[in-house]
C-alpha atoms as a PDB file:
ATOM      1  CA  UNK A   1      15.134 -13.559  -8.585  1.00  0.00           C
ATOM      2  CA  UNK A   2      18.829 -14.052  -7.580  1.00  0.00           C
ATOM      3  CA  UNK A   3      20.908 -15.854 -10.215  1.00  0.00           C
ATOM      4  CA  UNK A   4      18.058 -17.655 -11.951  1.00  0.00           C
ATOM      5  CA  UNK A   5      14.443 -17.644 -10.970  1.00  0.00           C
ATOM      6  CA  UNK A   6      12.978 -21.168 -11.192  1.00  0.00           C
ATOM      7  CA  UNK A   7       9.311 -20.120 -11.182  1.00  0.00           C
ATOM      8  CA  UNK A   8       7.748 -19.198 -14.509  1.00  0.00           C
ATOM      9  CA  UNK A   9       4.154 -18.835 -13.323  1.00  0.00           C
ATOM     10  CA  UNK A  10       2.168 -17.844 -10.268  1.00  0.00           C
ATOM     11  CA  UNK A  11       0.972 -20.264  -7.583  1.00  0.00           C
ATOM     12  CA  UNK A  12      -2.578 -20.894  -8.807  1.00  0.00           C
ATOM     13  CA  UNK A  13      -5.042 -22.112  -6.181  1.00  0.00           C
ATOM     14  CA  UNK A  14      -8.727 -22.974  -6.347  1.00  0.00           C
ATOM     15  CA  UNK A  15      -9.696 -22.275  -2.766  1.00  0.00           C
ATOM     16  CA  UNK A  16     -11.319 -19.149  -1.376  1.00  0.00           C
ATOM     17  CA  UNK A  17      -9.011 -16.460  -0.003  1.00  0.00           C
ATOM     18  CA  UNK A  18      -8.201 -17.409   3.613  1.00  0.00           C
ATOM     19  CA  UNK A  19      -9.140 -14.258   5.489  1.00  0.00           C
ATOM     20  CA  UNK A  20     -12.904 -14.624   5.181  1.00  0.00           C
ATOM     21  CA  UNK A  21     -12.894 -18.125   6.649  1.00  0.00           C
ATOM     22  CA  UNK A  22     -10.446 -17.211   9.429  1.00  0.00           C
ATOM     23  CA  UNK A  23     -12.500 -14.101  10.190  1.00  0.00           C
ATOM     24  CA  UNK A  24     -15.550 -16.317  10.702  1.00  0.00           C
ATOM     25  CA  UNK A  25     -13.660 -18.621  13.074  1.00  0.00           C
ATOM     26  CA  UNK A  26     -12.285 -15.713  15.087  1.00  0.00           C
ATOM     27  CA  UNK A  27     -15.717 -14.104  15.308  1.00  0.00           C
ATOM     28  CA  UNK A  28     -17.099 -17.307  16.771  1.00  0.00           C
ATOM     29  CA  UNK A  29     -14.388 -17.353  19.436  1.00  0.00           C
ATOM     30  CA  UNK A  30     -14.019 -13.599  20.020  1.00  0.00           C
ATOM     31  CA  UNK A  31     -17.438 -12.031  19.523  1.00  0.00           C
ATOM     32  CA  UNK A  32     -16.241  -8.672  20.973  1.00  0.00           C
ATOM     33  CA  UNK A  33     -14.339  -7.973  17.733  1.00  0.00           C
ATOM     34  CA  UNK A  34     -17.640  -7.048  16.129  1.00  0.00           C
ATOM     35  CA  UNK A  35     -18.292  -4.435  18.569  1.00  0.00           C
ATOM     36  CA  UNK A  36       2.185  13.784   8.296  1.00  0.00           C
ATOM     37  CA  UNK A  37       1.299  16.866   5.605  1.00  0.00           C
ATOM     38  CA  UNK A  38       2.479  20.108   7.150  1.00  0.00           C
ATOM     39  CA  UNK A  39       6.054  18.803   7.468  1.00  0.00           C
ATOM     40  CA  UNK A  40       6.316  18.083   3.751  1.00  0.00           C
ATOM     41  CA  UNK A  41       4.859  21.430   2.736  1.00  0.00           C
ATOM     42  CA  UNK A  42       7.392  23.234   4.939  1.00  0.00           C
ATOM     43  CA  UNK A  43      10.143  21.086   3.431  1.00  0.00           C
ATOM     44  CA  UNK A  44       9.338  22.556   0.009  1.00  0.00           C
ATOM     45  CA  UNK A  45      10.791  25.887   1.115  1.00  0.00           C
ATOM     46  CA  UNK A  46      14.030  24.122   2.097  1.00  0.00           C
ATOM     47  CA  UNK A  47      14.569  21.949  -0.977  1.00  0.00           C
ATOM     48  CA  UNK A  48      13.936  24.719  -3.520  1.00  0.00           C
ATOM     49  CA  UNK A  49      17.533  25.914  -3.086  1.00  0.00           C
ATOM     50  CA  UNK A  50      19.211  22.493  -2.927  1.00  0.00           C
ATOM     51  CA  UNK A  51      21.301  21.049  -5.730  1.00  0.00           C
ATOM     52  CA  UNK A  52      19.658  18.199  -7.640  1.00  0.00           C
ATOM     53  CA  UNK A  53      21.939  15.620  -6.031  1.00  0.00           C
ATOM     54  CA  UNK A  54      21.112  16.755  -2.505  1.00  0.00           C
ATOM     55  CA  UNK A  55      17.452  17.028  -3.440  1.00  0.00           C
ATOM     56  CA  UNK A  56      17.425  13.330  -4.375  1.00  0.00           C
ATOM     57  CA  UNK A  57      19.178  12.447  -1.115  1.00  0.00           C
ATOM     58  CA  UNK A  58      16.582  14.449   0.825  1.00  0.00           C
ATOM     59  CA  UNK A  59      13.754  12.839  -1.141  1.00  0.00           C
ATOM     60  CA  UNK A  60      15.058   9.369  -0.257  1.00  0.00           C
ATOM     61  CA  UNK A  61      16.101   9.844   3.376  1.00  0.00           C
ATOM     62  CA  UNK A  62      13.455  12.323   4.458  1.00  0.00           C
ATOM     63  CA  UNK A  63      10.669  12.551   1.904  1.00  0.00           C
ATOM     64  CA  UNK A  64      10.483   8.813   1.270  1.00  0.00           C
ATOM     65  CA  UNK A  65       9.638   8.047   4.892  1.00  0.00           C
ATOM     66  CA  UNK A  66       7.092  10.857   5.183  1.00  0.00           C
ATOM     67  CA  UNK A  67       5.481   9.996   1.860  1.00  0.00           C
ATOM     68  CA  UNK A  68       5.234   6.384   2.878  1.00  0.00           C
ATOM     69  CA  UNK A  69       3.470   7.409   6.069  1.00  0.00           C
ATOM     70  CA  UNK A  70       1.143   9.667   4.068  1.00  0.00           C
ATOM     71  CA  UNK A  71       0.297   6.794   1.730  1.00  0.00           C
ATOM     72  CA  UNK A  72      -0.475   4.678   4.764  1.00  0.00           C
ATOM     73  CA  UNK A  73      -2.632   7.546   6.037  1.00  0.00           C
ATOM     74  CA  UNK A  74      -4.575   7.244   2.792  1.00  0.00           C
ATOM     75  CA  UNK A  75      -4.841   3.502   3.413  1.00  0.00           C
ATOM     76  CA  UNK A  76      -6.256   3.975   6.911  1.00  0.00           C
ATOM     77  CA  UNK A  77      -8.662   6.623   5.622  1.00  0.00           C
ATOM     78  CA  UNK A  78      -9.846   4.262   2.864  1.00  0.00           C
ATOM     79  CA  UNK A  79     -11.197   2.069   5.672  1.00  0.00           C
ATOM     80  CA  UNK A  80     -12.884   5.129   7.260  1.00  0.00           C
ATOM     81  CA  UNK A  81     -10.678   4.815  10.338  1.00  0.00           C
ATOM     82  CA  UNK A  82     -10.069   8.550  10.748  1.00  0.00           C
ATOM     83  CA  UNK A  83     -13.626   9.741  11.472  1.00  0.00           C
ATOM     84  CA  UNK A  84     -15.501   6.436  11.489  1.00  0.00           C
ATOM     85  CA  UNK A  85     -17.975   4.968   9.022  1.00  0.00           C
ATOM     86  CA  UNK A  86     -20.655   7.493   9.952  1.00  0.00           C
ATOM     87  CA  UNK A  87     -18.673  10.403   8.451  1.00  0.00           C
ATOM     88  CA  UNK A  88     -17.513   9.293   5.000  1.00  0.00           C
ATOM     89  CA  UNK A  89     -17.170  12.833   3.631  1.00  0.00           C
ATOM     90  CA  UNK A  90     -14.883  13.826   6.501  1.00  0.00           C
ATOM     91  CA  UNK A  91     -12.678  10.840   5.671  1.00  0.00           C
ATOM     92  CA  UNK A  92     -12.586  11.749   1.973  1.00  0.00           C
ATOM     93  CA  UNK A  93     -11.627  15.380   2.701  1.00  0.00           C
ATOM     94  CA  UNK A  94      -8.808  14.263   4.997  1.00  0.00           C
ATOM     95  CA  UNK A  95      -7.711  11.911   2.220  1.00  0.00           C
ATOM     96  CA  UNK A  96      -7.518  14.920  -0.119  1.00  0.00           C
ATOM     97  CA  UNK A  97      -5.272  16.741   2.361  1.00  0.00           C
ATOM     98  CA  UNK A  98      -2.968  13.760   2.896  1.00  0.00           C
ATOM     99  CA  UNK A  99      -2.794  13.301  -0.863  1.00  0.00           C
ATOM    100  CA  UNK A 100      -1.451  16.789  -1.644  1.00  0.00           C
ATOM    101  CA  UNK A 101       2.245  16.230  -0.717  1.00  0.00           C
ATOM    102  CA  UNK A 102       2.232  12.878  -2.557  1.00  0.00           C
ATOM    103  CA  UNK A 103       1.873  14.754  -5.838  1.00  0.00           C
ATOM    104  CA  UNK A 104      -0.373  12.168  -7.512  1.00  0.00           C
ATOM    105  CA  UNK A 105      -4.161  11.996  -7.262  1.00  0.00           C
ATOM    106  CA  UNK A 106      -4.496   8.548  -5.678  1.00  0.00           C
ATOM    107  CA  UNK A 107      -6.636   8.622  -2.527  1.00  0.00           C
ATOM    108  CA  UNK A 108     -10.111   8.199  -4.047  1.00  0.00           C
ATOM    109  CA  UNK A 109      -9.094   5.560  -6.593  1.00  0.00           C
ATOM    110  CA  UNK A 110      -7.092   3.816  -3.870  1.00  0.00           C
ATOM    111  CA  UNK A 111     -10.211   3.358  -1.753  1.00  0.00           C
ATOM    112  CA  UNK A 112     -12.264   2.066  -4.669  1.00  0.00           C
ATOM    113  CA  UNK A 113      -9.769  -0.596  -5.701  1.00  0.00           C
ATOM    114  CA  UNK A 114      -8.243  -1.400  -2.313  1.00  0.00           C
ATOM    115  CA  UNK A 115     -11.557  -2.635  -0.962  1.00  0.00           C
ATOM    116  CA  UNK A 116     -11.717  -4.984  -3.963  1.00  0.00           C
ATOM    117  CA  UNK A 117      -8.285  -6.295  -2.983  1.00  0.00           C
ATOM    118  CA  UNK A 118      -9.718  -7.301   0.389  1.00  0.00           C
ATOM    119  CA  UNK A 119     -12.714  -9.018  -1.166  1.00  0.00           C
ATOM    120  CA  UNK A 120     -11.022 -10.599  -4.202  1.00  0.00           C
ATOM    121  CA  UNK A 121      -7.473 -11.235  -2.988  1.00  0.00           C
ATOM    122  CA  UNK A 122      -5.381 -12.892  -5.686  1.00  0.00           C
ATOM    123  CA  UNK A 123      -8.032 -12.548  -8.411  1.00  0.00           C
ATOM    124  CA  UNK A 124      -6.146 -12.436 -11.704  1.00  0.00           C
ATOM    125  CA  UNK A 125      -8.217  -9.567 -13.095  1.00  0.00           C
ATOM    126  CA  UNK A 126      -9.647  -7.609 -10.189  1.00  0.00           C
ATOM    127  CA  UNK A 127      -6.797  -7.571  -7.652  1.00  0.00           C
ATOM    128  CA  UNK A 128      -4.259  -5.003  -8.838  1.00  0.00           C
ATOM    129  CA  UNK A 129      -2.442  -5.106  -5.484  1.00  0.00           C
ATOM    130  CA  UNK A 130      -0.142  -7.917  -6.622  1.00  0.00           C
ATOM    131  CA  UNK A 131       2.832  -5.696  -7.502  1.00  0.00           C
ATOM    132  CA  UNK A 132       4.419  -2.557  -6.114  1.00  0.00           C
ATOM    133  CA  UNK A 133       4.145  -1.025  -9.583  1.00  0.00           C
ATOM    134  CA  UNK A 134       0.466  -1.861  -9.618  1.00  0.00           C
ATOM    135  CA  UNK A 135      -0.051  -0.031  -6.348  1.00  0.00           C
ATOM    136  CA  UNK A 136       1.689   3.001  -7.810  1.00  0.00           C
ATOM    137  CA  UNK A 137      -0.869   3.153 -10.635  1.00  0.00           C
ATOM    138  CA  UNK A 138      -3.939   3.893  -8.525  1.00  0.00           C
ATOM    139  CA  UNK A 139      -4.370   7.277 -10.174  1.00  0.00           C
ATOM    140  CA  UNK A 140      -4.077   5.796 -13.690  1.00  0.00           C
ATOM    141  CA  UNK A 141      -5.668   2.377 -13.232  1.00  0.00           C
ATOM    142  CA  UNK A 142      -9.172   3.414 -14.377  1.00  0.00           C
ATOM    143  CA  UNK A 143      -7.652   4.097 -17.795  1.00  0.00           C
ATOM    144  CA  UNK A 144      -5.761   0.819 -18.275  1.00  0.00           C
ATOM    145  CA  UNK A 145      -6.795  -2.065 -15.972  1.00  0.00           C
ATOM    146  CA  UNK A 146     -10.332  -3.159 -15.085  1.00  0.00           C
ATOM    147  CA  UNK A 147     -11.528   0.324 -16.091  1.00  0.00           C
ATOM    148  CA  UNK A 148     -14.400   1.937 -14.244  1.00  0.00           C
ATOM    149  CA  UNK A 149     -16.052   5.241 -14.892  1.00  0.00           C
ATOM    150  CA  UNK A 150     -14.361   7.931 -12.788  1.00  0.00           C
ATOM    151  CA  UNK A 151     -16.475   9.231  -9.956  1.00  0.00           C
ATOM    152  CA  UNK A 152     -17.120  12.889  -9.219  1.00  0.00           C
ATOM    153  CA  UNK A 153     -14.667  12.750  -6.313  1.00  0.00           C
ATOM    154  CA  UNK A 154     -11.956  11.299  -8.570  1.00  0.00           C
ATOM    155  CA  UNK A 155     -12.415  14.209 -10.968  1.00  0.00           C
ATOM    156  CA  UNK A 156     -12.379  16.714  -8.103  1.00  0.00           C
ATOM    157  CA  UNK A 157      -9.203  15.314  -6.541  1.00  0.00           C
ATOM    158  CA  UNK A 158      -7.488  15.343  -9.938  1.00  0.00           C
ATOM    159  CA  UNK A 159      -8.282  19.044 -10.345  1.00  0.00           C
ATOM    160  CA  UNK A 160      -7.261  19.818  -6.752  1.00  0.00           C
ATOM    161  CA  UNK A 161      -3.962  17.930  -7.054  1.00  0.00           C
ATOM    162  CA  UNK A 162      -3.028  19.456 -10.403  1.00  0.00           C
ATOM    163  CA  UNK A 163      -3.858  22.934  -9.077  1.00  0.00           C
ATOM    164  CA  UNK A 164      -1.677  22.314  -6.014  1.00  0.00           C
ATOM    165  CA  UNK A 165       1.193  21.122  -8.219  1.00  0.00           C
ATOM    166  CA  UNK A 166       0.899  24.146 -10.512  1.00  0.00           C
ATOM    167  CA  UNK A 167       0.932  26.513  -7.526  1.00  0.00           C
ATOM    168  CA  UNK A 168       4.104  24.867  -6.211  1.00  0.00           C
ATOM    169  CA  UNK A 169       5.861  25.391  -9.538  1.00  0.00           C
ATOM    170  CA  UNK A 170       4.552  28.952  -9.882  1.00  0.00           C
ATOM    171  CA  UNK A 171       5.647  30.131  -6.422  1.00  0.00           C
ATOM    172  CA  UNK A 172       8.635  27.871  -5.647  1.00  0.00           C
ATOM    173  CA  UNK A 173       9.857  26.430  -8.946  1.00  0.00           C
ATOM    174  CA  UNK A 174      10.244  22.897 -10.294  1.00  0.00           C
ATOM    175  CA  UNK A 175      12.577  21.512  -7.625  1.00  0.00           C
ATOM    176  CA  UNK A 176      10.005  21.344  -4.804  1.00  0.00           C
ATOM    177  CA  UNK A 177       7.553  19.515  -7.076  1.00  0.00           C
ATOM    178  CA  UNK A 178      10.333  17.180  -8.180  1.00  0.00           C
ATOM    179  CA  UNK A 179      11.129  16.567  -4.507  1.00  0.00           C
ATOM    180  CA  UNK A 180       7.541  15.478  -3.859  1.00  0.00           C
ATOM    181  CA  UNK A 181       7.292  13.233  -6.917  1.00  0.00           C
ATOM    182  CA  UNK A 182      10.740  11.679  -6.448  1.00  0.00           C
ATOM    183  CA  UNK A 183       9.938  11.059  -2.792  1.00  0.00           C
ATOM    184  CA  UNK A 184       6.741   9.253  -3.764  1.00  0.00           C
ATOM    185  CA  UNK A 185       8.514   7.098  -6.354  1.00  0.00           C
ATOM    186  CA  UNK A 186      11.363   6.203  -3.996  1.00  0.00           C
ATOM    187  CA  UNK A 187       8.913   5.472  -1.176  1.00  0.00           C
ATOM    188  CA  UNK A 188       7.400   2.750  -3.371  1.00  0.00           C
ATOM    189  CA  UNK A 189      10.733   1.225  -4.434  1.00  0.00           C
ATOM    190  CA  UNK A 190      14.055   0.206  -2.876  1.00  0.00           C
ATOM    191  CA  UNK A 191      13.428   1.910   0.423  1.00  0.00           C
ATOM    192  CA  UNK A 192      13.514   0.139   3.817  1.00  0.00           C
ATOM    193  CA  UNK A 193       9.908   1.004   4.660  1.00  0.00           C
ATOM    194  CA  UNK A 194       8.793  -0.091   1.173  1.00  0.00           C
ATOM    195  CA  UNK A 195       9.687  -3.645   2.124  1.00  0.00           C
ATOM    196  CA  UNK A 196       6.159  -4.060   3.419  1.00  0.00           C
ATOM    197  CA  UNK A 197       4.777  -4.052  -0.138  1.00  0.00           C
ATOM    198  CA  UNK A 198       6.732  -7.222  -0.865  1.00  0.00           C
ATOM    199  CA  UNK A 199       6.361  -8.727   2.598  1.00  0.00           C
ATOM    200  CA  UNK A 200       2.558  -8.622   2.578  1.00  0.00           C
ATOM    201  CA  UNK A 201       1.613 -11.054  -0.194  1.00  0.00           C
ATOM    202  CA  UNK A 202       4.698 -12.536  -1.859  1.00  0.00           C
ATOM    203  CA  UNK A 203       4.925 -16.238  -1.061  1.00  0.00           C
ATOM    204  CA  UNK A 204       7.961 -16.737   1.187  1.00  0.00           C
ATOM    205  CA  UNK A 205       6.548 -20.040   2.514  1.00  0.00           C
ATOM    206  CA  UNK A 206       4.489 -22.339   0.301  1.00  0.00           C
ATOM    207  CA  UNK A 207       0.810 -22.324   1.130  1.00  0.00           C
ATOM    208  CA  UNK A 208       0.824 -18.919   2.846  1.00  0.00           C
ATOM    209  CA  UNK A 209      -0.270 -15.915   0.788  1.00  0.00           C
ATOM    210  CA  UNK A 210      -0.387 -13.166   3.429  1.00  0.00           C
ATOM    211  CA  UNK A 211       2.347 -12.285   5.934  1.00  0.00           C
ATOM    212  CA  UNK A 212       2.680  -9.992   8.919  1.00  0.00           C
ATOM    213  CA  UNK A 213       5.716  -7.995  10.010  1.00  0.00           C
ATOM    214  CA  UNK A 214       6.411  -7.579  13.732  1.00  0.00           C
ATOM    215  CA  UNK A 215       9.373  -5.203  13.711  1.00  0.00           C
ATOM    216  CA  UNK A 216      10.059  -1.691  15.035  1.00  0.00           C
ATOM    217  CA  UNK A 217       9.100   0.125  11.819  1.00  0.00           C
ATOM    218  CA  UNK A 218       5.472  -0.506  12.721  1.00  0.00           C
ATOM    219  CA  UNK A 219       5.896   2.444  15.095  1.00  0.00           C
ATOM    220  CA  UNK A 220       6.140   4.905  12.191  1.00  0.00           C
ATOM    221  CA  UNK A 221       3.865   3.116   9.704  1.00  0.00           C
ATOM    222  CA  UNK A 222       0.555   2.899  11.581  1.00  0.00           C
ATOM    223  CA  UNK A 223       1.163  -0.803  12.374  1.00  0.00           C
ATOM    224  CA  UNK A 224       0.836  -1.673   8.694  1.00  0.00           C
ATOM    225  CA  UNK A 225       2.992  -4.730   9.358  1.00  0.00           C
ATOM    226  CA  UNK A 226       0.048  -6.444  11.037  1.00  0.00           C
ATOM    227  CA  UNK A 227      -1.215  -7.483   7.633  1.00  0.00           C
ATOM    228  CA  UNK A 228      -2.796 -10.860   8.335  1.00  0.00           C
ATOM    229  CA  UNK A 229      -4.589  -9.182  11.187  1.00  0.00           C
ATOM    230  CA  UNK A 230      -5.599  -6.295   8.937  1.00  0.00           C
ATOM    231  CA  UNK A 231      -7.183  -8.608   6.388  1.00  0.00           C
ATOM    232  CA  UNK A 232      -9.051 -10.412   9.157  1.00  0.00           C
ATOM    233  CA  UNK A 233      -9.688  -7.593  11.640  1.00  0.00           C
ATOM    234  CA  UNK A 234      -7.784  -4.473  12.720  1.00  0.00           C
ATOM    235  CA  UNK A 235      -5.749  -5.101  15.915  1.00  0.00           C
ATOM    236  CA  UNK A 236      -6.885  -8.721  16.121  1.00  0.00           C
ATOM    237  CA  UNK A 237      -3.463 -10.017  17.162  1.00  0.00           C
ATOM    238  CA  UNK A 238      -3.846  -8.405  20.545  1.00  0.00           C
ATOM    239  CA  UNK A 239      -7.053 -10.399  21.051  1.00  0.00           C
ATOM    240  CA  UNK A 240      -6.578 -13.544  18.959  1.00  0.00           C
ATOM    241  CA  UNK A 241      -2.799 -13.960  18.836  1.00  0.00           C
ATOM    242  CA  UNK A 242      -2.944 -17.756  18.720  1.00  0.00           C
ATOM    243  CA  UNK A 243      -4.299 -17.511  15.173  1.00  0.00           C
ATOM    244  CA  UNK A 244      -1.196 -15.615  13.994  1.00  0.00           C
ATOM    245  CA  UNK A 245       1.810 -16.568  16.119  1.00  0.00           C
ATOM    246  CA  UNK A 246       2.288 -19.888  14.299  1.00  0.00           C
ATOM    247  CA  UNK A 247       2.168 -18.348  10.808  1.00  0.00           C
ATOM    248  CA  UNK A 248       5.290 -17.439   8.812  1.00  0.00           C
ATOM    249  CA  UNK A 249       6.121 -13.817   9.581  1.00  0.00           C
ATOM    250  CA  UNK A 250       8.718 -11.115   8.915  1.00  0.00           C
ATOM    251  CA  UNK A 251      10.775  -9.108  11.390  1.00  0.00           C
ATOM    252  CA  UNK A 252      12.859  -7.050   8.918  1.00  0.00           C
ATOM    253  CA  UNK A 253      11.649  -5.303   5.779  1.00  0.00           C
ATOM    254  CA  UNK A 254      15.263  -4.803   4.699  1.00  0.00           C
ATOM    255  CA  UNK A 255      15.728  -8.579   4.844  1.00  0.00           C
ATOM    256  CA  UNK A 256      12.545  -8.961   2.799  1.00  0.00           C
ATOM    257  CA  UNK A 257      14.013  -6.777   0.039  1.00  0.00           C
ATOM    258  CA  UNK A 258      17.309  -8.698   0.161  1.00  0.00           C
ATOM    259  CA  UNK A 259      15.590 -12.084  -0.046  1.00  0.00           C
ATOM    260  CA  UNK A 260      13.319 -10.901  -2.844  1.00  0.00           C
ATOM    261  CA  UNK A 261      16.369  -9.991  -4.932  1.00  0.00           C
ATOM    262  CA  UNK A 262      18.773 -12.773  -3.935  1.00  0.00           C
ATOM    263  CA  UNK A 263      16.640 -15.794  -2.996  1.00  0.00           C
ATOM    264  CA  UNK A 264      15.852 -17.864  -6.123  1.00  0.00           C
ATOM    265  CA  UNK A 265      12.733 -19.260  -4.450  1.00  0.00           C
ATOM    266  CA  UNK A 266      11.192 -15.787  -4.208  1.00  0.00           C
ATOM    267  CA  UNK A 267      10.475 -13.324  -6.990  1.00  0.00           C
ATOM    268  CA  UNK A 268       7.804 -11.841  -9.252  1.00  0.00           C
ATOM    269  CA  UNK A 269       5.898 -15.120  -9.625  1.00  0.00           C
ATOM    270  CA  UNK A 270       5.933 -16.036  -5.931  1.00  0.00           C
ATOM    271  CA  UNK A 271       2.299 -15.045  -5.626  1.00  0.00           C
ATOM    272  CA  UNK A 272      -0.912 -16.946  -4.978  1.00  0.00           C
ATOM    273  CA  UNK A 273      -3.395 -16.208  -7.765  1.00  0.00           C
ATOM    274  CA  UNK A 274      -7.005 -17.198  -8.414  1.00  0.00           C
ATOM    275  CA  UNK A 275      -8.928 -17.413 -11.644  1.00  0.00           C
ATOM    276  CA  UNK A 276     -11.628 -14.801 -11.881  1.00  0.00           C
ATOM    277  CA  UNK A 277     -14.980 -16.319 -11.135  1.00  0.00           C
ATOM    278  CA  UNK A 278     -16.798 -17.205 -14.326  1.00  0.00           C
ATOM    279  CA  UNK A 279     -13.633 -17.409 -16.444  1.00  0.00           C
ATOM    280  CA  UNK A 280     -12.445 -20.644 -17.982  1.00  0.00           C
ATOM    281  CA  UNK A 281      -9.312 -22.170 -16.464  1.00  0.00           C
END
């Protein structure tokens, strides 16, 4: 973006997304690959008596980090990593619980559309995960983009979340609910840990559409920085590091945010996109 942004369109490619092919290569070489909620609820009793200015500070410095971790909890649960693939209902229920302090009913819709992001990365119609704003719209996407009929679980989580929000307002007032919602919004914006949204798929080096982050914030974000590895296999770097060490990578999410704003070679159009299969070019 910077002074002037020279790109006026996305980086359109006509190759398959790279993770499927790299996954196949790694499988051939490494066959063994086959084989935070209570804190936020307690915080509501603290913020209900804060001034609005201090509430916003708390939402940014405290709530933003916790909400980001909760959203990443939802991400891990969407891959059934909490209870395993044999207990999908257990994973969904835990997703409900993690969703409550976020204030928006996102966990079920997140799973439905996030798995499409893995399969159709960069697809101009299907892959909503090409902007931070797009990721924020998980709970509203079925109404506006690539609409799908809501599932029973999506209806249930909407009712559960709205009931939880109403109970907060009834017993504690509007400030605690505002704290949760502001924390969620700030966690998706200009926040140090939110740098991973930009670092994952914005094109910082031509020809590379997915990037990993190997910095200390992985310790509090469930290793979400290992994004190339995540698209190929969870924890693959530990086993197949030679596939990733030579790729462009990030070590600071704060630097990612700075470069996104100030570097004219990076910006909203620095994305690799693919035409949807069956659509004319």
